Amino acid sequence: MKKLNRPIGLCVFLWCLIAGLPLERLLAQGASDQSAGFQLQDGDRVVFLGNSLFEEDLRYGYLEYMLATAFADKKVTFRNIGWGGDTVFGDARSYYTSPPTAYELLIQQLSETKPTVVFLAYGANEATKGKEGLAEFKEGLNQLLDKIDELGARTVLLSPLPLLPSELDINRDERNQILEVYADEIEAVTTARGQRFVDIFHPFQKFDATSGISREGVLLNEKGYHHLAQVISQALGLPQSDWALNLSIADQKVDTNLSVSNANFGKEQISFTIQEAGLPLVAPAGSVEAADLRKIQIQGLKKGFYSLTVEGQPVASASAKEWAQGVEVNHGPDFNRAQELKNLIFKKNELYFHRYRPLNRTYILGFRAYEQGRHTEGLDELGAIIAWLDTQINSKKAPRSYNYMLTPIQ
């Protein structure tokens, strides 16, 4: 039987009993809610909590970028408190100072972020104990999820990644069999609690040693995180930022799912305005996945060559025949803005990392704070800069309109 989310779930459960509605209908409704598309709202605070899967993305920022741009019109903040080697008991967060214990520190760090949504990635390190450690992991996972519920946050649980092909002499099949058992257990816990589960285990099993998406089969590299962002985006049903635009000069018609205005048609010159829904998820060079596809097709041009500009910046040149077949647009102001946004995310995450995991923590925040505790003022100053960067990120990703113009090349 599904475990209802508290406290709302309990209230609905009691209401169903009073109204005489069958419990099966209530559970079916819960399943329906979870199958709906994932949403973020203004004011949401998204936290990535888990092991190296999240900490390593601090190098690239793809996961935050993917969610931020999918909800470009929402003011959302993100905090990454992933910790390499961590478990649901916070084992990797242990310091000489005790209290707090490692688990208490995990809960303290999570609580300080004031989350409304938590992406949770555990199970990979716990799986080293084999099937014998499964019961302990399940108990710890439920304990952590109970705490997240108490904080009033929604949870999205990720499966572990498989061990990917590499040159290391490792029994990969045996390791992946155990990881899949833990992935199945996470899914079962998620289903029982009526929460969201994202399977990243099976989508990554299709890659071979030539894919170049990992470091020694264990940690993802930039290509790997670009693909991971796409897997999660598709699993959550997020809006995609690729698009196609078809224009017919003869019919004076625009066919697209974009918001297009101010369209002016001519046999040698066309102009229009596009309200961008979101920035592109730009792929690293040589990625296993291409960048978001943005394609413009124009029927009815006179013979010749034409140049397309966006806000006056040239972005594509092709013949009338090629425009009729469709031309990809893979650079321009929005791609420039995408890189600027990634840079802001990287800087913000770097500063936040040093704020919540300061060097010499024992001397600044621990039992030897009497020696260097004055440096907490510096942490507060970092907090102010991080808050400012949050506003810059939300401003940079906000939807914008771009003026497009197609003109003949003399």
Protein backbone atom coordinates (compact mmCIF):
# COMPACT_ATOMS: atom_id res chain seq x y z
CA MET A 1 0.00 0.00 0.00
CA LYS A 2 1.24 3.47 -0.80
CA LYS A 3 2.42 5.63 2.04
CA LEU A 4 0.60 8.98 1.83
CA ASN A 5 2.52 12.23 2.02
CA ARG A 6 2.15 13.85 5.43
CA PRO A 7 0.42 15.97 6.63
CA ILE A 8 -1.75 16.58 3.56
CA GLY A 9 -2.01 12.89 2.76
CA LEU A 10 -3.41 12.10 6.22
CA CYS A 11 -6.05 14.81 5.92
CA VAL A 12 -7.14 13.56 2.50
CA PHE A 13 -7.15 9.98 3.80
CA LEU A 14 -9.49 10.94 6.68
CA TRP A 15 -11.69 12.92 4.32
CA CYS A 16 -12.03 9.85 2.08
CA LEU A 17 -13.06 7.72 5.05
CA ILE A 18 -15.69 10.26 6.10
CA ALA A 19 -16.98 10.63 2.55
CA GLY A 20 -17.05 6.89 2.06
CA LEU A 21 -14.70 6.95 -0.91
CA PRO A 22 -12.66 3.80 -1.57
CA LEU A 23 -8.99 3.95 -0.66
CA GLU A 24 -8.12 2.60 -4.11
CA ARG A 25 -9.45 5.82 -5.65
CA LEU A 26 -7.27 7.88 -3.35
CA LEU A 27 -4.19 5.85 -4.24
CA ALA A 28 -4.99 6.07 -7.93
CA GLN A 29 -5.28 9.84 -7.59
CA GLY A 30 -1.84 9.95 -5.95
CA ALA A 31 -0.37 7.96 -8.82
CA SER A 32 -2.01 10.29 -11.31
CA ASP A 33 -0.54 13.34 -9.60
CA GLN A 34 2.95 11.85 -9.80
CA SER A 35 2.56 11.07 -13.50
CA ALA A 36 1.84 14.73 -14.25
CA GLY A 37 4.66 16.89 -15.52
CA PHE A 38 7.14 18.15 -12.94
CA GLN A 39 6.70 21.82 -12.06
CA LEU A 40 8.67 24.56 -10.32
CA GLN A 41 7.03 27.72 -9.01
CA ASP A 42 8.19 31.20 -8.06
CA GLY A 43 10.09 31.06 -4.78
CA ASP A 44 11.01 27.38 -5.00
CA ARG A 45 14.36 26.42 -3.47
CA VAL A 46 15.77 23.33 -5.20
CA VAL A 47 18.46 21.33 -3.40
CA PHE A 48 20.67 18.60 -4.87
CA LEU A 49 21.51 16.22 -2.01
CA GLY A 50 23.51 13.04 -2.46
CA ASN A 51 26.87 11.60 -3.38
CA SER A 52 29.42 12.39 -6.10
CA LEU A 53 26.71 12.29 -8.78
CA PHE A 54 25.73 15.79 -7.68
CA GLU A 55 29.05 17.07 -6.34
CA GLU A 56 30.85 16.36 -9.63
CA ASP A 57 28.28 18.40 -11.56
CA LEU A 58 29.66 21.48 -9.79
CA ARG A 59 32.33 21.33 -12.51
CA TYR A 60 29.71 21.76 -15.25
CA GLY A 61 26.37 22.96 -13.84
CA TYR A 62 24.25 21.07 -16.38
CA LEU A 63 21.62 19.81 -13.92
CA GLU A 64 20.89 23.24 -12.47
CA TYR A 65 21.01 24.85 -15.92
CA MET A 66 18.55 22.28 -17.27
CA LEU A 67 15.98 22.93 -14.53
CA ALA A 68 16.52 26.70 -14.44
CA THR A 69 15.97 27.16 -18.17
CA ALA A 70 13.02 24.75 -18.29
CA PHE A 71 11.25 27.18 -15.94
CA ALA A 72 12.79 30.35 -17.32
CA ASP A 73 9.89 32.55 -16.19
CA LYS A 74 10.09 31.38 -12.56
CA LYS A 75 12.33 32.84 -9.87
CA VAL A 76 13.96 29.72 -8.42
CA THR A 77 17.16 29.25 -6.40
CA PHE A 78 19.38 26.17 -6.43
CA ARG A 79 21.82 24.74 -3.89
CA ASN A 80 24.11 21.77 -4.48
CA ILE A 81 25.18 19.99 -1.28
CA GLY A 82 26.26 16.74 -2.91
CA TRP A 83 29.28 15.12 -1.23
CA GLY A 84 31.49 12.49 -2.84
CA GLY A 85 31.32 9.13 -1.08
CA ASP A 86 28.22 10.09 0.89
CA THR A 87 25.44 7.76 2.07
CA VAL A 88 21.94 8.27 3.43
CA PHE A 89 23.59 8.34 6.87
CA GLY A 90 25.90 11.20 5.88
CA ASP A 91 29.02 9.06 6.42
CA ALA A 92 31.27 11.18 4.17
CA ARG A 93 30.41 14.37 6.07
CA SER A 94 32.22 13.31 9.23
CA TYR A 95 34.55 15.84 10.89
CA TYR A 96 36.68 15.66 13.99
CA THR A 97 34.09 17.82 15.69
CA SER A 98 31.32 15.73 17.26
CA PRO A 99 28.62 16.80 17.81
CA PRO A 100 27.38 17.25 15.26
CA THR A 101 27.62 13.68 14.05
CA ALA A 102 27.95 13.10 10.32
CA TYR A 103 24.19 12.52 9.99
CA GLU A 104 23.37 15.54 12.13
CA LEU A 105 25.60 17.65 9.89
CA LEU A 106 23.80 16.32 6.80
CA ILE A 107 20.43 17.30 8.28
CA GLN A 108 21.81 20.66 9.43
CA GLN A 109 23.16 21.47 5.97
CA LEU A 110 19.91 20.41 4.34
CA SER A 111 17.75 22.38 6.79
CA GLU A 112 19.80 25.55 6.30
CA THR A 113 18.95 25.54 2.58
CA LYS A 114 15.22 25.73 3.44
CA PRO A 115 14.32 23.44 0.54
CA THR A 116 10.97 23.18 -1.19
CA VAL A 117 12.23 20.56 -3.68
CA VAL A 118 15.01 18.02 -3.03
CA PHE A 119 16.68 15.92 -5.71
CA LEU A 120 18.11 12.90 -3.92
CA ALA A 121 20.91 10.68 -5.27
CA TYR A 122 22.03 7.83 -3.00
CA GLY A 123 22.58 4.09 -3.20
CA ALA A 124 25.84 3.81 -5.15
CA ASN A 125 28.09 3.77 -2.08
CA GLU A 126 25.66 1.76 0.03
CA ALA A 127 25.64 -0.92 -2.70
CA THR A 128 29.24 -1.82 -1.84
CA LYS A 129 27.73 -3.79 1.06
CA GLY A 130 25.86 -5.99 -1.39
CA LYS A 131 22.39 -7.39 -0.83
CA GLU A 132 23.20 -7.75 2.87
CA GLY A 133 23.16 -3.97 3.22
CA LEU A 134 19.85 -3.45 1.44
CA ALA A 135 17.64 -3.46 4.55
CA GLU A 136 19.88 -0.94 6.31
CA PHE A 137 19.86 1.29 3.24
CA LYS A 138 16.08 1.16 2.99
CA GLU A 139 15.73 2.11 6.65
CA GLY A 140 18.15 5.01 6.27
CA LEU A 141 16.50 6.21 3.06
CA ASN A 142 13.06 6.27 4.66
CA GLN A 143 14.47 8.08 7.69
CA LEU A 144 15.96 10.75 5.46
CA LEU A 145 12.77 11.05 3.41
CA ASP A 146 10.77 11.48 6.63
CA LYS A 147 13.01 14.41 7.52
CA ILE A 148 12.58 15.98 4.09
CA ASP A 149 8.82 15.61 4.51
CA GLU A 150 9.05 17.40 7.85
CA LEU A 151 10.82 20.28 6.10
CA GLY A 152 7.82 20.53 3.77
CA ALA A 153 9.77 19.72 0.61
CA ARG A 154 8.93 17.53 -2.36
CA THR A 155 11.47 14.84 -3.24
CA VAL A 156 12.66 13.50 -6.58
CA LEU A 157 14.72 10.33 -6.16
CA LEU A 158 17.32 9.21 -8.68
CA SER A 159 18.59 5.69 -9.17
CA PRO A 160 22.36 5.09 -9.05
CA LEU A 161 24.29 5.13 -12.30
CA PRO A 162 25.63 1.80 -13.57
CA LEU A 163 29.34 1.17 -13.61
CA LEU A 164 30.23 2.24 -17.15
CA PRO A 165 32.71 0.52 -19.50
CA SER A 166 36.36 1.42 -18.94
CA GLU A 167 39.87 0.01 -19.11
CA LEU A 168 39.84 -0.84 -15.40
CA ASP A 169 39.96 -4.51 -14.49
CA ILE A 170 36.62 -4.65 -12.66
CA ASN A 171 33.85 -7.21 -12.66
CA ARG A 172 31.38 -4.73 -14.07
CA ASP A 173 28.48 -7.17 -14.52
CA GLU A 174 28.59 -8.23 -10.87
CA ARG A 175 28.75 -4.64 -9.67
CA ASN A 176 25.86 -3.58 -11.90
CA GLN A 177 23.69 -6.46 -10.73
CA ILE A 178 23.95 -5.11 -7.18
CA LEU A 179 23.44 -1.52 -8.29
CA GLU A 180 20.28 -2.54 -10.12
CA VAL A 181 18.96 -4.20 -6.96
CA TYR A 182 19.46 -0.90 -5.10
CA ALA A 183 17.88 1.04 -7.97
CA ASP A 184 14.83 -1.22 -7.78
CA GLU A 185 14.64 -0.70 -4.01
CA ILE A 186 14.74 3.08 -4.43
CA GLU A 187 11.94 2.87 -6.97
CA ALA A 188 9.89 0.69 -4.62
CA VAL A 189 10.34 3.16 -1.74
CA THR A 190 9.45 6.03 -4.05
CA THR A 191 6.29 4.32 -5.25
CA ALA A 192 5.23 3.45 -1.71
CA ARG A 193 5.57 7.06 -0.63
CA GLY A 194 3.93 8.55 -3.71
CA GLN A 195 7.05 10.47 -4.77
CA ARG A 196 8.91 10.86 -8.04
CA PHE A 197 11.54 8.44 -9.27
CA VAL A 198 13.96 9.00 -12.16
CA ASP A 199 15.67 5.93 -13.58
CA ILE A 200 19.13 6.89 -14.81
CA PHE A 201 20.53 3.36 -14.41
CA HIS A 202 19.03 1.77 -17.51
CA PRO A 203 19.41 4.73 -19.94
CA PHE A 204 23.16 4.75 -19.27
CA GLN A 205 23.60 1.03 -19.77
CA LYS A 206 23.46 1.44 -23.55
CA PHE A 207 26.88 3.15 -23.73
CA ASP A 208 30.03 1.28 -24.62
CA ALA A 209 33.68 2.07 -23.93
CA THR A 210 33.89 4.36 -26.97
CA SER A 211 31.19 6.76 -25.77
CA GLY A 212 33.63 8.90 -23.80
CA ILE A 213 31.11 10.01 -21.20
CA SER A 214 32.93 9.03 -18.00
CA ARG A 215 36.21 8.99 -16.11
CA GLU A 216 37.23 5.35 -15.64
CA GLY A 217 33.58 4.28 -15.83
CA VAL A 218 32.75 5.73 -12.40
CA LEU A 219 32.40 9.52 -12.61
CA LEU A 220 30.68 11.32 -15.47
CA ASN A 221 32.59 13.91 -17.47
CA GLU A 222 31.09 16.96 -19.23
CA LYS A 223 29.60 14.86 -22.03
CA GLY A 224 28.11 12.52 -19.47
CA TYR A 225 26.45 15.31 -17.50
CA HIS A 226 25.03 16.83 -20.66
CA HIS A 227 23.39 13.49 -21.42
CA LEU A 228 22.29 13.06 -17.78
CA ALA A 229 20.52 16.43 -17.91
CA GLN A 230 18.63 15.25 -21.00
CA VAL A 231 17.66 11.94 -19.39
CA ILE A 232 16.30 13.67 -16.29
CA SER A 233 14.54 16.33 -18.36
CA GLN A 234 12.74 13.72 -20.44
CA ALA A 235 11.85 11.63 -17.37
CA LEU A 236 10.29 14.66 -15.67
CA GLY A 237 8.39 15.68 -18.79
CA LEU A 238 10.05 19.10 -18.93
CA PRO A 239 9.47 21.40 -21.90
CA GLN A 240 12.22 21.04 -24.47
CA SER A 241 14.04 24.09 -25.82
CA ASP A 242 14.53 22.81 -29.38
CA TRP A 243 12.10 24.07 -31.98
CA ALA A 244 11.23 24.24 -35.67
CA LEU A 245 9.86 27.19 -37.60
CA ASN A 246 8.25 26.80 -41.03
CA LEU A 247 7.41 29.89 -43.08
CA SER A 248 5.51 29.97 -46.37
CA ILE A 249 5.85 33.19 -48.38
CA ALA A 250 3.02 32.26 -50.77
CA ASP A 251 0.59 31.59 -47.94
CA GLN A 252 1.98 34.36 -45.69
CA LYS A 253 1.90 31.72 -42.96
CA VAL A 254 4.05 30.72 -39.99
CA ASP A 255 3.82 27.15 -38.68
CA THR A 256 5.43 26.65 -35.25
CA ASN A 257 4.66 26.10 -31.58
CA LEU A 258 6.64 29.24 -30.73
CA SER A 259 5.20 32.66 -30.03
CA VAL A 260 5.87 34.58 -33.28
CA SER A 261 4.83 38.17 -33.95
CA ASN A 262 5.48 41.06 -36.36
CA ALA A 263 5.92 38.71 -39.32
CA ASN A 264 6.60 40.53 -42.60
CA PHE A 265 6.90 38.46 -45.79
CA GLY A 266 8.65 39.32 -49.01
CA LYS A 267 10.20 37.24 -51.77
CA GLU A 268 13.63 38.60 -50.89
CA GLN A 269 13.28 39.75 -47.29
CA ILE A 270 11.50 38.33 -44.27
CA SER A 271 11.41 39.57 -40.68
CA PHE A 272 9.69 38.30 -37.56
CA THR A 273 9.98 38.31 -33.78
CA ILE A 274 10.26 35.16 -31.65
CA GLN A 275 9.45 35.02 -27.96
CA GLU A 276 12.01 32.45 -26.76
CA ALA A 277 10.58 29.85 -24.39
CA GLY A 278 13.96 28.87 -22.94
CA LEU A 279 17.68 28.90 -23.56
CA PRO A 280 19.31 25.99 -25.41
CA LEU A 281 21.04 23.16 -23.56
CA VAL A 282 24.32 23.63 -25.39
CA ALA A 283 26.33 20.44 -25.78
CA PRO A 284 30.10 20.19 -25.26
CA ALA A 285 32.22 19.58 -28.35
CA GLY A 286 32.06 15.96 -29.48
CA SER A 287 29.14 15.13 -27.19
CA VAL A 288 27.22 11.89 -27.60
CA GLU A 289 24.16 14.11 -27.90
CA ALA A 290 23.80 17.11 -30.19
CA ALA A 291 22.83 20.53 -28.93
CA ASP A 292 19.15 21.42 -28.95
CA LEU A 293 17.94 21.50 -32.54
CA ARG A 294 16.62 24.86 -33.77
CA LYS A 295 15.59 24.73 -37.40
CA ILE A 296 14.09 27.32 -39.75
CA GLN A 297 12.45 26.35 -43.03
CA ILE A 298 11.36 29.00 -45.56
CA GLN A 299 9.38 28.15 -48.68
CA GLY A 300 9.03 30.46 -51.69
CA LEU A 301 12.28 32.43 -51.74
CA LYS A 302 13.68 33.62 -55.08
CA LYS A 303 16.83 31.88 -56.24
CA GLY A 304 19.95 33.14 -54.54
CA PHE A 305 21.71 33.15 -51.20
CA TYR A 306 20.30 34.59 -48.01
CA SER A 307 21.68 35.58 -44.61
CA LEU A 308 19.75 35.32 -41.36
CA THR A 309 20.46 37.73 -38.54
CA VAL A 310 19.17 37.74 -34.97
CA GLU A 311 19.21 41.17 -33.35
CA GLY A 312 21.56 42.19 -36.16
CA GLN A 313 24.00 39.33 -35.51
CA PRO A 314 24.57 36.95 -38.48
CA VAL A 315 23.71 33.38 -37.49
CA ALA A 316 23.22 31.45 -40.75
CA SER A 317 23.70 31.73 -44.52
CA ALA A 318 22.27 29.40 -47.16
CA SER A 319 20.75 29.20 -50.62
CA ALA A 320 17.02 29.49 -51.26
CA LYS A 321 16.95 25.74 -51.92
CA GLU A 322 18.66 25.03 -48.58
CA TRP A 323 16.28 27.36 -46.72
CA ALA A 324 13.37 25.45 -48.28
CA GLN A 325 14.82 22.21 -46.90
CA GLY A 326 15.52 23.73 -43.49
CA VAL A 327 18.62 25.30 -41.94
CA GLU A 328 19.82 24.73 -38.39
CA VAL A 329 20.50 27.75 -36.20
CA ASN A 330 23.12 26.78 -33.62
CA HIS A 331 24.55 30.09 -32.51
CA GLY A 332 23.38 33.62 -31.84
CA PRO A 333 22.37 35.89 -28.93
CA ASP A 334 20.51 33.18 -27.05
CA PHE A 335 23.49 30.82 -27.30
CA ASN A 336 25.74 33.61 -26.02
CA ARG A 337 23.35 34.20 -23.17
CA ALA A 338 23.32 30.47 -22.42
CA GLN A 339 27.08 30.53 -21.88
CA GLU A 340 26.81 33.62 -19.70
CA LEU A 341 24.17 31.85 -17.61
CA LYS A 342 26.37 28.77 -17.20
CA ASN A 343 29.23 31.01 -16.05
CA LEU A 344 27.00 32.64 -13.43
CA ILE A 345 25.80 29.25 -12.19
CA PHE A 346 29.38 27.99 -11.95
CA LYS A 347 30.53 31.04 -9.97
CA LYS A 348 27.55 30.92 -7.62
CA ASN A 349 28.05 27.23 -6.91
CA GLU A 350 31.78 27.71 -6.35
CA LEU A 351 31.13 30.41 -3.73
CA TYR A 352 28.37 28.40 -2.06
CA PHE A 353 30.65 25.38 -1.85
CA HIS A 354 33.23 27.43 0.07
CA ARG A 355 30.52 28.87 2.28
CA TYR A 356 28.93 25.63 3.44
CA ARG A 357 32.19 23.60 3.33
CA PRO A 358 34.82 26.15 4.34
CA LEU A 359 38.47 25.22 4.58
CA ASN A 360 39.56 24.79 8.21
CA ARG A 361 35.93 24.25 9.20
CA THR A 362 37.01 22.93 12.60
CA TYR A 363 38.74 26.25 13.31
CA ILE A 364 35.97 28.48 11.97
CA LEU A 365 32.81 26.62 12.98
CA GLY A 366 33.99 23.69 15.09
CA PHE A 367 35.44 23.12 18.54
CA ARG A 368 38.45 25.37 17.79
CA ALA A 369 36.34 28.32 16.68
CA TYR A 370 37.83 30.32 19.55
CA GLU A 371 40.96 30.58 17.37
CA GLN A 372 39.53 31.64 13.97
CA GLY A 373 35.80 32.04 14.58
CA ARG A 374 36.03 35.66 13.44
CA HIS A 375 36.15 34.36 9.88
CA THR A 376 32.42 33.57 10.06
CA GLU A 377 31.98 37.21 9.02
CA GLY A 378 33.60 36.28 5.72
CA LEU A 379 31.08 33.46 5.29
CA ASP A 380 28.25 35.94 5.80
CA GLU A 381 29.75 38.19 3.13
CA LEU A 382 29.88 35.23 0.76
CA GLY A 383 26.20 34.66 1.49
CA ALA A 384 25.37 38.19 0.34
CA ILE A 385 27.30 37.72 -2.91
CA ILE A 386 25.59 34.36 -3.51
CA ALA A 387 22.17 35.95 -3.01
CA TRP A 388 23.11 38.65 -5.56
CA LEU A 389 24.22 36.00 -8.04
CA ASP A 390 20.86 34.26 -7.57
CA THR A 391 19.12 37.41 -8.78
CA GLN A 392 21.49 37.67 -11.75
CA ILE A 393 20.81 34.05 -12.72
CA ASN A 394 17.05 34.54 -12.60
CA SER A 395 17.37 37.70 -14.66
CA LYS A 396 19.68 36.14 -17.25
CA LYS A 397 17.41 33.14 -17.89
CA ALA A 398 14.16 35.11 -18.13
CA PRO A 399 12.41 34.71 -21.52
CA ARG A 400 13.23 37.36 -24.11
CA SER A 401 12.10 38.37 -27.58
CA TYR A 402 14.50 38.34 -30.54
CA ASN A 403 14.10 40.04 -33.91
CA TYR A 404 14.98 37.83 -36.88
CA MET A 405 15.64 39.11 -40.41
CA LEU A 406 16.42 37.22 -43.63
CA THR A 407 18.00 39.27 -46.42
CA PRO A 408 19.63 38.39 -49.77
CA ILE A 409 23.41 38.23 -50.02
CA GLN A 410 24.56 40.48 -52.83
